[in-house]
Amino acid sequence: MTIAVGENIPEVTLTVMTADGPATRPAQELLGAGRVVLFAVPGPFTPTCSARHLPGFIELAEDIKATGINRIVCMAVQDIFVMEAWGTSSGAGDAVLMAADGNGDFTRALGLELDATAFGLGHRSQRFAMIIEDGVVRHLLVDPPGEFRVSSAENVLGKL
């Protein structure tokens, strides 16, 4: 079942890159304090994700944070080394925190898994964005498969 507005984010870990290397962090630590925008992509370095989704959040990061958002997090069912390389090559810097859901545990707990095995991509995350306040989902914006609209940075900014 898909997580719903008003529900708490699941207690699962994600991986982030630190100065000391990869580190697992409870989702509550990354997403549970203050106001956070989480957006997920099916695949780093893929056309829509690289040309539109991540760049939109990088470009609008200051505007989004000016509304009181404390952190913007980009997540994918991927390893942290790919996420870190993608963030670096995209110029994410401090604007967007790159997080990995390596085994898809968090994505499955959200009920937002995408079966992309027919395309040779395995199980991934659906394309979505959510606005979280103190660990509670306030807005959930899930794009239908093959689309990129409701989870865009522009649409998220409009919800803030």
C-alpha atoms as a PDB file:
ATOM      1  CA  MET A   1       0.000   0.000   0.000  1.00  0.00           C
ATOM      2  CA  THR A   2       1.283   3.463  -0.894  1.00  0.00           C
ATOM      3  CA  ILE A   3       2.066   5.908   1.882  1.00  0.00           C
ATOM      4  CA  ALA A   4      -0.633   8.548   2.254  1.00  0.00           C
ATOM      5  CA  VAL A   5      -0.737  12.201   3.185  1.00  0.00           C
ATOM      6  CA  GLY A   6      -0.835  12.453   6.973  1.00  0.00           C
ATOM      7  CA  GLU A   7       1.265   9.338   7.557  1.00  0.00           C
ATOM      8  CA  ASN A   8       4.747   9.217   9.077  1.00  0.00           C
ATOM      9  CA  ILE A   9       7.684   8.344   6.882  1.00  0.00           C
ATOM     10  CA  PRO A  10       8.837   4.758   7.465  1.00  0.00           C
ATOM     11  CA  GLU A  11      11.647   3.919   9.841  1.00  0.00           C
ATOM     12  CA  VAL A  12      14.141   2.630   7.282  1.00  0.00           C
ATOM     13  CA  THR A  13      17.725   3.663   6.582  1.00  0.00           C
ATOM     14  CA  LEU A  14      19.148   5.485   3.580  1.00  0.00           C
ATOM     15  CA  THR A  15      22.795   5.965   2.651  1.00  0.00           C
ATOM     16  CA  VAL A  16      24.513   9.313   2.180  1.00  0.00           C
ATOM     17  CA  MET A  17      28.090  10.257   1.399  1.00  0.00           C
ATOM     18  CA  THR A  18      30.030  11.963   4.176  1.00  0.00           C
ATOM     19  CA  ALA A  19      33.584  13.251   4.453  1.00  0.00           C
ATOM     20  CA  ASP A  20      34.428   9.842   5.926  1.00  0.00           C
ATOM     21  CA  GLY A  21      32.714   7.888   3.145  1.00  0.00           C
ATOM     22  CA  PRO A  22      29.322   6.202   2.868  1.00  0.00           C
ATOM     23  CA  ALA A  23      27.138   6.294   5.984  1.00  0.00           C
ATOM     24  CA  THR A  24      23.711   4.879   6.686  1.00  0.00           C
ATOM     25  CA  ARG A  25      21.240   7.244   8.290  1.00  0.00           C
ATOM     26  CA  PRO A  26      17.745   6.618   9.600  1.00  0.00           C
ATOM     27  CA  ALA A  27      15.134   8.168   7.333  1.00  0.00           C
ATOM     28  CA  GLN A  28      13.806   9.999  10.397  1.00  0.00           C
ATOM     29  CA  GLU A  29      17.197  11.720  10.758  1.00  0.00           C
ATOM     30  CA  LEU A  30      17.306  12.846   7.133  1.00  0.00           C
ATOM     31  CA  LEU A  31      13.618  13.553   6.598  1.00  0.00           C
ATOM     32  CA  GLY A  32      11.977  13.783  10.005  1.00  0.00           C
ATOM     33  CA  ALA A  33      12.989  17.159  11.391  1.00  0.00           C
ATOM     34  CA  GLY A  34      11.575  20.413  10.063  1.00  0.00           C
ATOM     35  CA  ARG A  35      10.297  20.810   6.510  1.00  0.00           C
ATOM     36  CA  VAL A  36      11.901  18.609   3.853  1.00  0.00           C
ATOM     37  CA  VAL A  37      11.343  18.037   0.155  1.00  0.00           C
ATOM     38  CA  LEU A  38      12.150  14.505  -0.955  1.00  0.00           C
ATOM     39  CA  PHE A  39      12.100  13.645  -4.622  1.00  0.00           C
ATOM     40  CA  ALA A  40      12.884  10.287  -6.152  1.00  0.00           C
ATOM     41  CA  VAL A  41      13.966   9.306  -9.617  1.00  0.00           C
ATOM     42  CA  PRO A  42      13.907   5.968 -11.423  1.00  0.00           C
ATOM     43  CA  GLY A  43      17.512   6.259 -12.576  1.00  0.00           C
ATOM     44  CA  PRO A  44      20.481   8.571 -12.113  1.00  0.00           C
ATOM     45  CA  PHE A  45      22.136   9.536 -15.401  1.00  0.00           C
ATOM     46  CA  THR A  46      18.980   8.660 -17.354  1.00  0.00           C
ATOM     47  CA  PRO A  47      17.625  11.246 -19.817  1.00  0.00           C
ATOM     48  CA  THR A  48      14.666  12.817 -17.980  1.00  0.00           C
ATOM     49  CA  CYS A  49      16.234  12.496 -14.535  1.00  0.00           C
ATOM     50  CA  SER A  50      19.483  14.151 -15.665  1.00  0.00           C
ATOM     51  CA  ALA A  51      18.111  16.727 -18.077  1.00  0.00           C
ATOM     52  CA  ARG A  52      15.060  17.912 -16.128  1.00  0.00           C
ATOM     53  CA  HIS A  53      14.301  16.418 -12.716  1.00  0.00           C
ATOM     54  CA  LEU A  54      17.516  16.946 -10.713  1.00  0.00           C
ATOM     55  CA  PRO A  55      18.468  20.174 -12.563  1.00  0.00           C
ATOM     56  CA  GLY A  56      15.076  21.692 -11.738  1.00  0.00           C
ATOM     57  CA  PHE A  57      15.622  21.204  -8.015  1.00  0.00           C
ATOM     58  CA  ILE A  58      19.173  22.521  -8.219  1.00  0.00           C
ATOM     59  CA  GLU A  59      18.029  25.638 -10.102  1.00  0.00           C
ATOM     60  CA  LEU A  60      15.087  26.317  -7.751  1.00  0.00           C
ATOM     61  CA  ALA A  61      16.778  25.256  -4.505  1.00  0.00           C
ATOM     62  CA  GLU A  62      17.082  28.803  -3.146  1.00  0.00           C
ATOM     63  CA  ASP A  63      13.444  29.594  -3.962  1.00  0.00           C
ATOM     64  CA  ILE A  64      12.276  26.331  -2.395  1.00  0.00           C
ATOM     65  CA  LYS A  65      14.349  26.861   0.744  1.00  0.00           C
ATOM     66  CA  ALA A  66      13.111  30.460   0.997  1.00  0.00           C
ATOM     67  CA  THR A  67       9.647  29.015   1.750  1.00  0.00           C
ATOM     68  CA  GLY A  68      10.983  27.436   4.943  1.00  0.00           C
ATOM     69  CA  ILE A  69      12.205  24.125   3.555  1.00  0.00           C
ATOM     70  CA  ASN A  70      15.222  22.962   5.557  1.00  0.00           C
ATOM     71  CA  ARG A  71      16.538  20.313   3.163  1.00  0.00           C
ATOM     72  CA  ILE A  72      16.015  18.995  -0.360  1.00  0.00           C
ATOM     73  CA  VAL A  73      16.835  15.300  -0.779  1.00  0.00           C
ATOM     74  CA  CYS A  74      17.151  13.382  -4.042  1.00  0.00           C
ATOM     75  CA  MET A  75      16.790   9.620  -3.726  1.00  0.00           C
ATOM     76  CA  ALA A  76      17.018   6.625  -6.049  1.00  0.00           C
ATOM     77  CA  VAL A  77      17.200   2.870  -5.718  1.00  0.00           C
ATOM     78  CA  GLN A  78      20.894   2.934  -6.463  1.00  0.00           C
ATOM     79  CA  ASP A  79      24.230   2.748  -4.678  1.00  0.00           C
ATOM     80  CA  ILE A  80      25.629   5.857  -2.996  1.00  0.00           C
ATOM     81  CA  PHE A  81      28.667   5.973  -5.279  1.00  0.00           C
ATOM     82  CA  VAL A  82      26.457   6.463  -8.348  1.00  0.00           C
ATOM     83  CA  MET A  83      24.296   8.981  -6.485  1.00  0.00           C
ATOM     84  CA  GLU A  84      27.369  10.938  -5.374  1.00  0.00           C
ATOM     85  CA  ALA A  85      28.873  10.897  -8.892  1.00  0.00           C
ATOM     86  CA  TRP A  86      25.557  12.035 -10.368  1.00  0.00           C
ATOM     87  CA  GLY A  87      25.226  14.857  -7.838  1.00  0.00           C
ATOM     88  CA  THR A  88      28.794  15.973  -8.504  1.00  0.00           C
ATOM     89  CA  SER A  89      28.463  15.873 -12.292  1.00  0.00           C
ATOM     90  CA  SER A  90      25.136  17.739 -12.070  1.00  0.00           C
ATOM     91  CA  GLY A  91      26.456  20.465  -9.785  1.00  0.00           C
ATOM     92  CA  ALA A  92      24.119  19.627  -6.880  1.00  0.00           C
ATOM     93  CA  GLY A  93      26.650  20.883  -4.324  1.00  0.00           C
ATOM     94  CA  ASP A  94      24.949  21.804  -1.061  1.00  0.00           C
ATOM     95  CA  ALA A  95      21.638  22.563  -2.774  1.00  0.00           C
ATOM     96  CA  VAL A  96      20.447  18.946  -2.904  1.00  0.00           C
ATOM     97  CA  LEU A  97      21.455  16.066  -0.647  1.00  0.00           C
ATOM     98  CA  MET A  98      21.937  12.856  -2.621  1.00  0.00           C
ATOM     99  CA  ALA A  99      20.654   9.733  -0.853  1.00  0.00           C
ATOM    100  CA  ALA A 100      20.761   6.089  -1.895  1.00  0.00           C
ATOM    101  CA  ASP A 101      18.146   3.444  -1.228  1.00  0.00           C
ATOM    102  CA  GLY A 102      20.514   0.701  -2.338  1.00  0.00           C
ATOM    103  CA  ASN A 103      18.255  -2.306  -1.824  1.00  0.00           C
ATOM    104  CA  GLY A 104      14.971  -0.453  -2.314  1.00  0.00           C
ATOM    105  CA  ASP A 105      13.873  -0.999   1.304  1.00  0.00           C
ATOM    106  CA  PHE A 106      12.698   2.584   1.795  1.00  0.00           C
ATOM    107  CA  THR A 107      10.969   2.648  -1.588  1.00  0.00           C
ATOM    108  CA  ARG A 108       9.121  -0.599  -0.813  1.00  0.00           C
ATOM    109  CA  ALA A 109       8.151   0.737   2.636  1.00  0.00           C
ATOM    110  CA  LEU A 110       6.649   3.775   0.877  1.00  0.00           C
ATOM    111  CA  GLY A 111       4.776   1.524  -1.551  1.00  0.00           C
ATOM    112  CA  LEU A 112       6.339   3.390  -4.479  1.00  0.00           C
ATOM    113  CA  GLU A 113       8.356   0.656  -6.149  1.00  0.00           C
ATOM    114  CA  LEU A 114       8.560   0.508  -9.946  1.00  0.00           C
ATOM    115  CA  ASP A 115       9.073  -2.824 -11.690  1.00  0.00           C
ATOM    116  CA  ALA A 116      11.334  -1.900 -14.607  1.00  0.00           C
ATOM    117  CA  THR A 117      12.553  -5.446 -15.267  1.00  0.00           C
ATOM    118  CA  ALA A 118      10.968  -5.388 -18.735  1.00  0.00           C
ATOM    119  CA  PHE A 119      13.498  -2.666 -19.612  1.00  0.00           C
ATOM    120  CA  GLY A 120      16.476  -4.397 -17.963  1.00  0.00           C
ATOM    121  CA  LEU A 121      16.484  -1.927 -15.064  1.00  0.00           C
ATOM    122  CA  GLY A 122      15.291  -4.143 -12.213  1.00  0.00           C
ATOM    123  CA  HIS A 123      13.199  -2.700  -9.432  1.00  0.00           C
ATOM    124  CA  ARG A 124      13.413   1.065  -9.030  1.00  0.00           C
ATOM    125  CA  SER A 125      11.520   3.924  -7.454  1.00  0.00           C
ATOM    126  CA  GLN A 126       8.598   5.569  -9.144  1.00  0.00           C
ATOM    127  CA  ARG A 127       9.178   9.219  -9.997  1.00  0.00           C
ATOM    128  CA  PHE A 128       7.710  11.204  -7.107  1.00  0.00           C
ATOM    129  CA  ALA A 129       8.149  14.135  -4.774  1.00  0.00           C
ATOM    130  CA  MET A 130       6.848  14.694  -1.292  1.00  0.00           C
ATOM    131  CA  ILE A 131       6.783  17.530   1.148  1.00  0.00           C
ATOM    132  CA  ILE A 132       7.421  16.298   4.671  1.00  0.00           C
ATOM    133  CA  GLU A 133       6.924  18.246   7.893  1.00  0.00           C
ATOM    134  CA  ASP A 134       8.444  16.790  11.070  1.00  0.00           C
ATOM    135  CA  GLY A 135       8.318  13.305   9.590  1.00  0.00           C
ATOM    136  CA  VAL A 136       4.722  13.528   8.338  1.00  0.00           C
ATOM    137  CA  VAL A 137       3.880  13.495   4.623  1.00  0.00           C
ATOM    138  CA  ARG A 138       1.996  16.702   3.781  1.00  0.00           C
ATOM    139  CA  HIS A 139       2.006  16.423  -0.032  1.00  0.00           C
ATOM    140  CA  LEU A 140       2.615  13.328  -2.166  1.00  0.00           C
ATOM    141  CA  LEU A 141       3.136  13.944  -5.871  1.00  0.00           C
ATOM    142  CA  VAL A 142       3.545  10.757  -7.935  1.00  0.00           C
ATOM    143  CA  ASP A 143       4.006  10.883 -11.688  1.00  0.00           C
ATOM    144  CA  PRO A 144       2.337   8.173 -13.771  1.00  0.00           C
ATOM    145  CA  PRO A 145       4.867   5.818 -15.435  1.00  0.00           C
ATOM    146  CA  GLY A 146       6.644   7.491 -18.323  1.00  0.00           C
ATOM    147  CA  GLU A 147       5.603  11.005 -17.288  1.00  0.00           C
ATOM    148  CA  PHE A 148       7.384  13.907 -15.636  1.00  0.00           C
ATOM    149  CA  ARG A 149       5.069  16.627 -14.417  1.00  0.00           C
ATOM    150  CA  VAL A 150       3.730  16.573 -10.868  1.00  0.00           C
ATOM    151  CA  SER A 151       7.065  15.761  -9.207  1.00  0.00           C
ATOM    152  CA  SER A 152       8.890  18.649 -10.888  1.00  0.00           C
ATOM    153  CA  ALA A 153      10.614  21.332  -8.849  1.00  0.00           C
ATOM    154  CA  GLU A 154       8.265  23.930 -10.315  1.00  0.00           C
ATOM    155  CA  ASN A 155       5.178  22.010  -9.207  1.00  0.00           C
ATOM    156  CA  VAL A 156       6.637  21.355  -5.750  1.00  0.00           C
ATOM    157  CA  LEU A 157       7.451  25.054  -5.362  1.00  0.00           C
ATOM    158  CA  GLY A 158       3.835  25.834  -6.253  1.00  0.00           C
ATOM    159  CA  LYS A 159       2.662  23.595  -3.378  1.00  0.00           C
ATOM    160  CA  LEU A 160       4.810  25.448  -0.864  1.00  0.00           C
END
